Amino acid sequence: MSPVKKPSVKEMLDIKSVAIVGASVKMGYYWAHSMLQWDHDFKVWLVSKSEGEALGHKIYPSVNAIPENIDYAIVRVPHQFVPSVIGECAAKGAKGFTVFTSGYSELGTEEGRQRERELAELVYSLPIRVLGPNCMGLTYPKLGFAFMPTVKRSIGDVGFLSQSGGIAIATYTVGAEGGIGFSKVFSFGNQIDIKPKEIVDYFIDDDETNVVGMYLEGSQEARELLYSLRELSSKKPVVALKGGRSSEGSRAASSHTGALAGSNQIWSAAFRQANIPTVGTIEELVATLAVFAQCPKPKSPRIGLVAISGGTSVIYTDLCIEAGLGVPPTSKETLEKLDPLIKDVGTGLTNPIDLAADYYQDQTMSEVVRIAGSDPRFDSLILEADVHNIHQVATIMGALDVIDGFWEAMAEAGADVMTNQKKPVLVAIPDFAYHESRTDAWEIFVKHNLPVFRSMEEAVHALSRAWHYYERRDARAQGRVGREDDR
């Protein structure tokens, strides 16, 4: 018997209709809310034994009762019904599946493993593709397809693959709030069919994806995956968050998705060889993706810092140097342009540019940003948006109503530098106090397409990862990486 012809991932993503099988009020019709929150052109069919209506859509008692063929199915029924539902959906023409249902190898029992083997055999015998089981599946913002409700529709060029549904949700949600746009997000769970290597291979040639992030606990095809990652990284930046780095974390990974996490030392070495920056938290992951996705490529590690305090300027300089970035002195030409603007004592213009009390003047601040951005010694800028100081001064001066205008002027100047000078401009908003004011400032910088960070440290390390990735990629392309550098 010849093997069944399987659709490719690209073919699976040609979706014009979706069936949600197991649409349930117990989860507040979670999947229906997710799939109906954005405008789109595909049909959504709801299926449940509890007939009726939800969100203006009729609920059908079975897949067979759907009056048309379907392209994709989201399966969230108890595990004993999953095989029959898959068979019914396949008969209706479905070529892609998200199997949300858990209760397989992640249980760590022979019963769970056997159940997973049987499901894999069924899937192998049918002309279908499956994400899961035990996963969130697919989010495709351009198409209007989502696996989480109440989130921004943020369309862009960042692809993401994740063994964990929770991390996929968090990465998309946090990234979208920070202005990152996504091409596709894949959550693959126990990976009985579609495995990370195939997703990586898809991203290599996907015209909608220029940056890739990933969360991985383990892989059944680690060697082949790493070859694909190396090819992807030679063309597009890839940022990796590896789960199961400790023995305890590895044990947790096994009970989470049934993954064998493998040696952290081996994975770390493999990521280095593939020129893939690694991070330890979701926040670091999103921060690094933001630099890659929202900024032009830095020409050098030399940065200009614009801040408000001499003390923090010292700390920020140390952070940069420790991260492998340079903080060169301001050029003579730039100093001559800055000097007439700065009126107050306590300032320092030699980089970091410490504005002290002059920081509070919106016209001064915006002009300083533009002048610093034109300095040939600075190939990137990091701006400190000091919300707590601005809020305090504006409060005692009865000027809270003008704060938004201050941040607008600063954001416009930063955006001008990034557009006209082709230099990365990062904005750090220290998470100290005044949450509402901080949120307002954050949204203004996001509106101007500037990457925003919760701390100067987060911004510095994200920029450092991006610079070192590009430096290494260029060196490899020119044959300048020696054996010791490639370890």
Protein backbone atom coordinates (compact mmCIF):
# COMPACT_ATOMS: atom_id res chain seq x y z
CA MET A 1 0.00 0.00 0.00
CA SER A 2 1.42 3.39 -0.98
CA PRO A 3 1.67 5.98 1.80
CA VAL A 4 -1.13 8.51 2.14
CA LYS A 5 -0.30 11.88 0.57
CA LYS A 6 -0.15 14.47 3.31
CA PRO A 7 -0.79 18.21 2.87
CA SER A 8 2.17 20.48 3.58
CA VAL A 9 2.01 23.08 6.34
CA LYS A 10 1.51 25.71 3.66
CA GLU A 11 -1.40 23.77 2.17
CA MET A 12 -2.88 23.26 5.63
CA LEU A 13 -2.96 27.04 6.13
CA ASP A 14 -5.31 27.57 3.18
CA ILE A 15 -8.35 27.82 5.45
CA LYS A 16 -11.81 28.93 4.41
CA SER A 17 -13.86 27.14 7.09
CA VAL A 18 -13.26 25.94 10.65
CA ALA A 19 -15.19 23.55 12.88
CA ILE A 20 -14.88 23.85 16.66
CA VAL A 21 -15.80 20.41 17.92
CA GLY A 22 -16.64 20.43 21.61
CA ALA A 23 -17.73 24.06 21.83
CA SER A 24 -18.57 24.30 25.50
CA VAL A 25 -20.13 26.82 27.83
CA LYS A 26 -17.89 25.38 30.59
CA MET A 27 -15.01 27.39 29.14
CA GLY A 28 -17.23 30.35 28.26
CA TYR A 29 -17.12 29.27 24.63
CA TYR A 30 -13.41 30.08 24.72
CA TRP A 31 -12.64 28.82 21.23
CA ALA A 32 -15.68 30.50 19.69
CA HIS A 33 -14.70 33.83 21.27
CA SER A 34 -11.15 33.35 19.98
CA MET A 35 -12.20 32.56 16.44
CA LEU A 36 -14.91 35.21 16.16
CA GLN A 37 -13.15 38.21 17.74
CA TRP A 38 -11.53 39.48 14.51
CA ASP A 39 -13.09 40.15 11.11
CA HIS A 40 -12.37 37.40 8.60
CA ASP A 41 -13.77 35.68 5.54
CA PHE A 42 -13.84 32.05 6.66
CA LYS A 43 -16.85 30.23 8.10
CA VAL A 44 -16.92 29.04 11.71
CA TRP A 45 -19.01 26.00 12.62
CA LEU A 46 -19.73 25.11 16.26
CA VAL A 47 -20.32 21.49 17.24
CA SER A 48 -21.51 20.14 20.59
CA LYS A 49 -23.96 17.58 21.93
CA SER A 50 -25.52 20.52 23.76
CA GLU A 51 -27.29 22.08 20.81
CA GLY A 52 -28.44 25.66 20.74
CA GLU A 53 -26.67 28.88 19.87
CA ALA A 54 -23.53 30.74 20.96
CA LEU A 55 -22.31 34.18 19.89
CA GLY A 56 -24.93 34.28 17.16
CA HIS A 57 -23.84 30.93 15.70
CA LYS A 58 -25.91 27.76 15.60
CA ILE A 59 -24.42 24.79 17.46
CA TYR A 60 -24.63 21.56 15.47
CA PRO A 61 -25.05 18.21 17.25
CA SER A 62 -22.31 16.47 15.24
CA VAL A 63 -19.67 17.04 12.59
CA ASN A 64 -21.82 15.12 10.13
CA ALA A 65 -24.63 17.64 10.65
CA ILE A 66 -22.51 20.51 9.29
CA PRO A 67 -24.06 21.27 5.88
CA GLU A 68 -20.76 21.98 4.09
CA ASN A 69 -17.22 20.66 3.91
CA ILE A 70 -14.62 22.08 6.30
CA ASP A 71 -10.91 22.87 5.96
CA TYR A 72 -9.75 22.86 9.58
CA ALA A 73 -10.97 21.43 12.87
CA ILE A 74 -10.30 22.35 16.49
CA VAL A 75 -10.86 19.26 18.62
CA ARG A 76 -11.53 19.75 22.34
CA VAL A 77 -13.54 16.65 23.22
CA PRO A 78 -12.56 13.99 25.84
CA HIS A 79 -9.72 11.78 24.60
CA GLN A 80 -11.93 8.73 24.06
CA PHE A 81 -13.87 10.63 21.37
CA VAL A 82 -10.88 12.19 19.59
CA PRO A 83 -10.33 9.35 17.05
CA SER A 84 -13.95 9.32 15.89
CA VAL A 85 -14.08 13.13 15.65
CA ILE A 86 -10.90 13.17 13.57
CA GLY A 87 -12.34 10.54 11.26
CA GLU A 88 -15.59 12.49 10.83
CA CYS A 89 -13.77 15.77 10.17
CA ALA A 90 -11.43 14.11 7.66
CA ALA A 91 -14.47 12.73 5.86
CA LYS A 92 -15.78 16.31 5.70
CA GLY A 93 -12.62 17.39 3.92
CA ALA A 94 -10.61 18.80 6.85
CA LYS A 95 -6.90 18.80 6.13
CA GLY A 96 -5.68 20.55 9.29
CA PHE A 97 -6.37 19.90 12.97
CA THR A 98 -5.65 21.38 16.37
CA VAL A 99 -6.06 18.64 18.99
CA PHE A 100 -6.43 20.59 22.22
CA THR A 101 -7.34 17.46 24.18
CA SER A 102 -4.77 16.19 26.70
CA GLY A 103 -4.37 12.84 28.45
CA TYR A 104 -1.55 11.34 26.37
CA SER A 105 2.18 10.82 26.88
CA GLU A 106 2.41 13.86 29.14
CA LEU A 107 0.70 11.72 31.82
CA GLY A 108 3.87 9.65 32.11
CA THR A 109 1.85 6.43 32.11
CA GLU A 110 1.93 3.50 29.71
CA GLU A 111 -1.78 4.00 29.14
CA GLY A 112 -1.18 7.59 28.04
CA ARG A 113 1.71 6.63 25.80
CA GLN A 114 -0.30 3.84 24.19
CA ARG A 115 -3.21 6.19 23.62
CA GLU A 116 -0.82 8.59 21.87
CA ARG A 117 0.66 5.84 19.71
CA GLU A 118 -2.80 4.80 18.57
CA LEU A 119 -3.75 8.37 17.76
CA ALA A 120 -0.52 8.83 15.80
CA GLU A 121 -1.25 5.68 13.78
CA LEU A 122 -4.72 7.00 12.91
CA VAL A 123 -3.35 10.37 11.85
CA TYR A 124 -0.65 8.68 9.76
CA SER A 125 -3.32 6.74 7.87
CA LEU A 126 -5.30 9.84 6.85
CA PRO A 127 -4.54 12.71 4.42
CA ILE A 128 -4.50 15.25 7.25
CA ARG A 129 -2.06 17.28 9.38
CA VAL A 130 -2.30 17.61 13.15
CA LEU A 131 -0.91 20.03 15.72
CA GLY A 132 -0.89 18.35 19.13
CA PRO A 133 -2.40 16.71 20.99
CA ASN A 134 -2.23 18.77 24.17
CA CYS A 135 -1.70 22.11 22.41
CA MET A 136 -3.31 25.40 21.37
CA GLY A 137 -2.56 24.93 17.68
CA LEU A 138 -2.55 27.88 15.30
CA THR A 139 -2.83 31.65 15.37
CA TYR A 140 -2.70 33.39 12.00
CA PRO A 141 -3.54 37.09 12.50
CA LYS A 142 -3.60 38.00 8.81
CA LEU A 143 -6.22 35.30 8.23
CA GLY A 144 -8.14 36.20 11.41
CA PHE A 145 -7.47 32.80 13.01
CA ALA A 146 -6.69 32.82 16.76
CA PHE A 147 -6.35 30.50 19.75
CA MET A 148 -6.80 33.15 22.44
CA PRO A 149 -9.63 35.69 22.98
CA THR A 150 -9.61 39.42 23.79
CA VAL A 151 -6.23 40.17 22.19
CA LYS A 152 -5.08 42.71 19.64
CA ARG A 153 -4.95 41.61 16.05
CA SER A 154 -1.27 42.30 15.51
CA ILE A 155 -0.18 41.41 11.97
CA GLY A 156 3.52 41.44 11.21
CA ASP A 157 6.56 39.39 10.27
CA VAL A 158 7.41 37.51 13.49
CA GLY A 159 6.81 33.77 13.39
CA PHE A 160 6.67 31.77 16.60
CA LEU A 161 6.65 28.06 17.39
CA SER A 162 6.09 26.72 20.86
CA GLN A 163 5.84 23.38 22.57
CA SER A 164 3.71 25.09 25.22
CA GLY A 165 0.32 26.60 24.55
CA GLY A 166 0.61 28.85 27.60
CA ILE A 167 3.92 30.31 26.44
CA ALA A 168 2.52 30.79 22.94
CA ILE A 169 -0.41 32.74 24.40
CA ALA A 170 1.83 34.82 26.68
CA THR A 171 4.36 35.59 23.93
CA TYR A 172 1.69 36.72 21.50
CA THR A 173 -0.20 38.75 24.11
CA VAL A 174 2.88 40.52 25.50
CA GLY A 175 4.37 41.00 22.05
CA ALA A 176 1.19 42.48 20.60
CA GLU A 177 0.91 44.93 23.49
CA GLY A 178 4.46 46.03 22.75
CA GLY A 179 3.82 46.59 19.05
CA ILE A 180 5.22 43.33 17.66
CA GLY A 181 3.30 41.96 14.69
CA PHE A 182 3.06 38.22 14.09
CA SER A 183 2.85 36.21 10.89
CA LYS A 184 1.93 32.81 12.36
CA VAL A 185 2.10 31.21 15.80
CA PHE A 186 2.26 27.42 16.08
CA SER A 187 1.72 25.55 19.34
CA PHE A 188 2.53 21.89 18.69
CA GLY A 189 2.33 20.18 22.10
CA ASN A 190 3.10 16.45 21.98
CA GLN A 191 4.00 16.66 18.25
CA ILE A 192 2.60 13.34 17.02
CA ASP A 193 2.49 14.68 13.46
CA ILE A 194 3.72 18.23 12.81
CA LYS A 195 7.05 18.56 14.57
CA PRO A 196 9.20 21.64 15.16
CA LYS A 197 11.57 20.80 12.29
CA GLU A 198 8.76 20.99 9.75
CA ILE A 199 7.63 24.35 11.14
CA VAL A 200 11.19 25.67 11.01
CA ASP A 201 11.51 24.46 7.42
CA TYR A 202 8.25 26.22 6.60
CA PHE A 203 9.51 29.50 8.10
CA ILE A 204 12.71 29.34 6.03
CA ASP A 205 10.75 30.00 2.83
CA ASP A 206 7.74 31.85 4.25
CA ASP A 207 7.65 35.34 2.70
CA GLU A 208 5.45 36.61 5.54
CA THR A 209 8.04 35.75 8.21
CA ASN A 210 11.35 37.59 8.70
CA VAL A 211 12.05 36.90 12.40
CA VAL A 212 11.39 33.68 14.34
CA GLY A 213 11.01 32.95 18.04
CA MET A 214 10.71 29.53 19.59
CA TYR A 215 10.02 27.79 22.88
CA LEU A 216 11.26 24.21 22.96
CA GLU A 217 11.33 21.57 25.68
CA GLY A 218 12.61 18.65 23.62
CA SER A 219 12.50 17.12 20.18
CA GLN A 220 12.14 13.63 18.76
CA GLU A 221 14.42 14.68 15.87
CA ALA A 222 16.93 16.96 17.58
CA ARG A 223 19.78 16.56 15.10
CA GLU A 224 17.60 17.22 12.05
CA LEU A 225 15.92 20.15 13.83
CA LEU A 226 19.27 21.78 14.54
CA TYR A 227 20.35 21.49 10.91
CA SER A 228 17.13 23.26 9.90
CA LEU A 229 17.59 25.90 12.59
CA ARG A 230 21.08 26.63 11.37
CA GLU A 231 19.78 27.15 7.83
CA LEU A 232 16.96 29.38 9.10
CA SER A 233 19.32 31.43 11.27
CA SER A 234 21.61 32.07 8.30
CA LYS A 235 18.70 33.86 6.62
CA LYS A 236 16.48 35.19 9.41
CA PRO A 237 17.08 35.97 13.10
CA VAL A 238 15.93 33.22 15.47
CA VAL A 239 15.55 33.60 19.25
CA ALA A 240 15.22 30.50 21.43
CA LEU A 241 13.81 29.94 24.91
CA LYS A 242 14.71 26.39 25.99
CA GLY A 243 12.63 24.71 28.69
CA GLY A 244 14.02 21.93 30.85
CA ARG A 245 17.47 23.44 31.33
CA SER A 246 17.74 22.02 34.85
CA SER A 247 17.12 18.43 35.90
CA GLU A 248 13.99 19.59 37.73
CA GLY A 249 12.86 21.54 34.67
CA SER A 250 13.49 18.51 32.49
CA ARG A 251 11.24 16.48 34.75
CA ALA A 252 8.55 19.16 34.50
CA ALA A 253 8.86 19.14 30.71
CA SER A 254 8.24 15.40 30.63
CA SER A 255 5.01 15.82 32.58
CA HIS A 256 4.01 18.83 30.51
CA THR A 257 4.28 17.62 26.92
CA GLY A 258 5.90 14.23 27.33
CA ALA A 259 9.18 15.73 26.06
CA LEU A 260 12.66 14.45 26.81
CA ALA A 261 14.44 17.74 27.30
CA GLY A 262 17.98 16.42 26.81
CA SER A 263 21.27 17.85 28.03
CA ASN A 264 21.26 21.61 28.54
CA GLN A 265 24.97 21.74 27.68
CA ILE A 266 24.37 20.02 24.35
CA TRP A 267 21.44 22.25 23.44
CA SER A 268 23.34 25.39 24.46
CA ALA A 269 26.31 24.41 22.32
CA ALA A 270 24.04 23.57 19.40
CA PHE A 271 22.29 26.94 19.60
CA ARG A 272 25.66 28.71 19.67
CA GLN A 273 26.78 26.81 16.59
CA ALA A 274 23.53 27.72 14.85
CA ASN A 275 24.00 31.41 15.82
CA ILE A 276 20.72 31.47 17.72
CA PRO A 277 20.49 33.90 20.67
CA THR A 278 19.05 32.20 23.75
CA VAL A 279 17.03 33.73 26.57
CA GLY A 280 15.80 32.56 29.94
CA THR A 281 12.37 34.20 30.25
CA ILE A 282 9.35 35.15 28.16
CA GLU A 283 10.13 38.82 28.83
CA GLU A 284 13.65 38.45 27.43
CA LEU A 285 12.27 36.53 24.46
CA VAL A 286 9.76 39.26 23.57
CA ALA A 287 12.32 42.02 24.14
CA THR A 288 14.82 40.43 21.77
CA LEU A 289 12.18 39.73 19.12
CA ALA A 290 11.18 43.41 19.36
CA VAL A 291 14.67 44.61 18.44
CA PHE A 292 14.88 42.22 15.49
CA ALA A 293 11.36 42.97 14.26
CA GLN A 294 11.06 46.72 14.86
CA CYS A 295 14.59 48.07 14.38
CA PRO A 296 16.99 48.40 11.48
CA LYS A 297 20.16 46.34 11.72
CA PRO A 298 22.72 48.12 13.94
CA LYS A 299 25.91 49.03 12.08
CA SER A 300 28.11 48.66 15.16
CA PRO A 301 27.85 48.05 18.93
CA ARG A 302 28.31 51.79 19.64
CA ILE A 303 25.28 53.34 21.32
CA GLY A 304 24.17 56.72 22.59
CA LEU A 305 22.26 56.91 25.87
CA VAL A 306 19.83 59.70 26.76
CA ALA A 307 18.85 59.77 30.43
CA ILE A 308 17.89 62.05 33.30
CA SER A 309 20.21 61.11 36.16
CA GLY A 310 23.96 61.06 36.55
CA GLY A 311 23.79 58.06 38.86
CA THR A 312 21.63 55.95 36.60
CA SER A 313 23.81 57.00 33.66
CA VAL A 314 26.77 55.36 35.37
CA ILE A 315 24.77 52.17 35.95
CA TYR A 316 23.52 52.14 32.36
CA THR A 317 27.03 52.57 31.00
CA ASP A 318 28.23 49.60 33.05
CA LEU A 319 25.32 47.52 31.75
CA CYS A 320 26.24 48.32 28.16
CA ILE A 321 29.93 47.53 28.57
CA GLU A 322 29.19 44.27 30.40
CA ALA A 323 26.84 43.28 27.54
CA GLY A 324 29.52 43.84 24.92
CA LEU A 325 28.24 47.19 23.66
CA GLY A 326 30.24 50.41 23.35
CA VAL A 327 29.45 53.81 24.87
CA PRO A 328 31.75 56.21 22.97
CA PRO A 329 32.09 59.87 23.93
CA THR A 330 29.83 62.31 22.15
CA SER A 331 31.46 63.88 19.09
CA LYS A 332 32.69 67.48 19.19
CA GLU A 333 30.17 68.44 16.52
CA THR A 334 27.27 67.05 18.54
CA LEU A 335 28.48 68.75 21.73
CA GLU A 336 28.49 72.07 19.89
CA LYS A 337 24.90 71.51 18.80
CA LEU A 338 23.75 70.41 22.28
CA ASP A 339 25.47 73.09 24.32
CA PRO A 340 23.14 76.00 23.40
CA LEU A 341 20.08 73.88 24.28
CA ILE A 342 21.16 72.92 27.79
CA LYS A 343 20.59 75.60 30.42
CA ASP A 344 20.59 73.85 33.80
CA VAL A 345 23.48 72.76 35.96
CA GLY A 346 24.13 69.10 36.70
CA THR A 347 23.94 68.00 33.11
CA GLY A 348 26.44 65.82 31.28
CA LEU A 349 26.64 65.65 27.51
CA THR A 350 29.55 63.30 26.91
CA ASN A 351 27.46 60.08 26.64
CA PRO A 352 25.41 59.13 28.42
CA ILE A 353 23.67 62.42 27.70
CA ASP A 354 22.40 63.26 31.19
CA LEU A 355 19.88 66.09 30.87
CA ALA A 356 19.04 66.59 34.55
CA ALA A 357 16.35 69.31 34.83
CA ASP A 358 16.44 70.01 31.09
CA TYR A 359 14.88 66.57 30.61
CA TYR A 360 11.48 68.08 31.48
CA GLN A 361 11.38 70.41 28.47
CA ASP A 362 9.65 68.61 25.62
CA GLN A 363 11.18 70.76 22.88
CA THR A 364 14.64 70.38 24.38
CA MET A 365 14.23 66.64 24.79
CA SER A 366 13.00 66.05 21.23
CA GLU A 367 15.82 68.17 19.79
CA VAL A 368 18.41 66.34 21.89
CA VAL A 369 17.14 63.00 20.58
CA ARG A 370 17.39 64.16 16.97
CA ILE A 371 20.87 65.61 17.45
CA ALA A 372 22.13 62.51 19.27
CA GLY A 373 20.62 60.36 16.57
CA SER A 374 22.65 62.15 13.92
CA ASP A 375 25.96 61.67 15.75
CA PRO A 376 28.13 59.36 13.58
CA ARG A 377 29.65 57.86 16.73
CA PHE A 378 26.28 56.42 17.78
CA ASP A 379 24.82 53.59 15.69
CA SER A 380 21.93 52.96 18.11
CA LEU A 381 20.10 55.04 20.71
CA ILE A 382 18.51 53.98 23.99
CA LEU A 383 16.19 56.56 25.51
CA GLU A 384 15.13 56.51 29.15
CA ALA A 385 11.46 57.48 29.47
CA ASP A 386 11.47 58.48 33.12
CA VAL A 387 7.77 58.29 33.91
CA HIS A 388 8.10 58.59 37.67
CA ASN A 389 10.10 61.82 37.54
CA ILE A 390 7.87 63.38 34.90
CA HIS A 391 4.75 62.41 36.86
CA GLN A 392 6.07 63.87 40.10
CA VAL A 393 7.11 67.20 38.58
CA ALA A 394 3.92 67.51 36.52
CA THR A 395 1.84 66.86 39.63
CA ILE A 396 3.32 69.65 41.73
CA MET A 397 3.19 72.03 38.75
CA GLY A 398 -0.44 71.21 37.96
CA ALA A 399 0.61 70.05 34.50
CA LEU A 400 -0.57 66.42 34.34
CA ASP A 401 -2.61 67.27 31.26
CA VAL A 402 0.52 67.96 29.19
CA ILE A 403 2.40 64.73 29.96
CA ASP A 404 1.08 62.94 26.88
CA GLY A 405 2.36 65.77 24.72
CA PHE A 406 5.82 65.37 26.24
CA TRP A 407 5.95 61.67 25.39
CA GLU A 408 4.52 62.38 21.91
CA ALA A 409 7.36 64.81 21.18
CA MET A 410 9.96 62.35 22.43
CA ALA A 411 8.40 59.48 20.46
CA GLU A 412 8.20 61.50 17.25
CA ALA A 413 11.88 62.42 17.56
CA GLY A 414 12.86 58.78 18.16
CA ALA A 415 10.78 57.62 15.20
CA ASP A 416 12.42 60.28 13.00
CA VAL A 417 15.87 59.01 13.94
CA MET A 418 14.94 55.42 13.19
CA THR A 419 13.38 56.36 9.83
CA ASN A 420 15.87 58.94 8.61
CA GLN A 421 19.12 57.78 10.20
CA LYS A 422 18.34 54.04 9.89
CA LYS A 423 19.47 53.45 13.47
CA PRO A 424 17.77 51.37 16.16
CA VAL A 425 16.02 53.52 18.78
CA LEU A 426 14.97 51.70 21.93
CA VAL A 427 12.86 53.16 24.73
CA ALA A 428 13.23 51.96 28.32
CA ILE A 429 10.39 52.80 30.73
CA PRO A 430 11.60 51.74 34.20
CA ASP A 431 8.86 49.87 36.03
CA PHE A 432 9.06 51.88 39.25
CA ALA A 433 5.72 53.49 40.03
CA TYR A 434 2.64 55.30 38.66
CA HIS A 435 1.29 52.38 36.68
CA GLU A 436 -1.40 54.37 34.86
CA SER A 437 1.03 57.06 33.69
CA ARG A 438 3.49 54.38 32.65
CA THR A 439 0.82 52.60 30.59
CA ASP A 440 -0.10 55.85 28.84
CA ALA A 441 3.53 56.53 27.94
CA TRP A 442 4.01 52.93 26.77
CA GLU A 443 1.08 53.16 24.38
CA ILE A 444 2.37 56.41 22.89
CA PHE A 445 5.77 54.93 22.06
CA VAL A 446 4.13 51.79 20.67
CA LYS A 447 1.92 53.97 18.47
CA HIS A 448 5.08 55.44 16.96
CA ASN A 449 6.46 51.94 16.24
CA LEU A 450 9.31 52.17 18.73
CA PRO A 451 10.31 49.06 20.70
CA VAL A 452 9.58 49.60 24.40
CA PHE A 453 11.18 47.83 27.36
CA ARG A 454 10.42 47.48 31.06
CA SER A 455 13.94 48.41 32.12
CA MET A 456 17.20 49.69 30.75
CA GLU A 457 18.75 46.30 31.46
CA GLU A 458 16.14 44.57 29.30
CA ALA A 459 16.76 47.01 26.44
CA VAL A 460 20.55 46.73 26.66
CA HIS A 461 20.61 42.94 26.64
CA ALA A 462 18.07 42.71 23.82
CA LEU A 463 20.14 45.07 21.66
CA SER A 464 23.31 43.17 22.57
CA ARG A 465 21.81 39.86 21.43
CA ALA A 466 20.74 41.41 18.14
CA TRP A 467 24.13 43.02 17.50
CA HIS A 468 26.07 39.83 18.24
CA TYR A 469 23.72 37.80 16.02
CA TYR A 470 24.28 40.12 13.04
CA GLU A 471 28.00 40.35 13.67
CA ARG A 472 28.35 36.58 13.70
CA ARG A 473 26.10 36.07 10.67
CA ASP A 474 28.07 38.60 8.64
CA ALA A 475 31.36 37.02 9.70
CA ARG A 476 30.16 33.60 8.61
CA ALA A 477 28.93 34.92 5.30
CA GLN A 478 32.37 36.40 4.67
CA GLY A 479 34.20 33.31 5.90
CA ARG A 480 35.68 35.13 8.90
CA VAL A 481 34.55 32.67 11.62
CA GLY A 482 37.32 30.43 12.81
CA ARG A 483 37.05 27.04 14.41
CA GLU A 484 37.26 28.42 17.94
CA ASP A 485 34.55 31.02 17.25
CA ASP A 486 32.23 28.32 15.93
CA ARG A 487 32.28 26.21 19.08
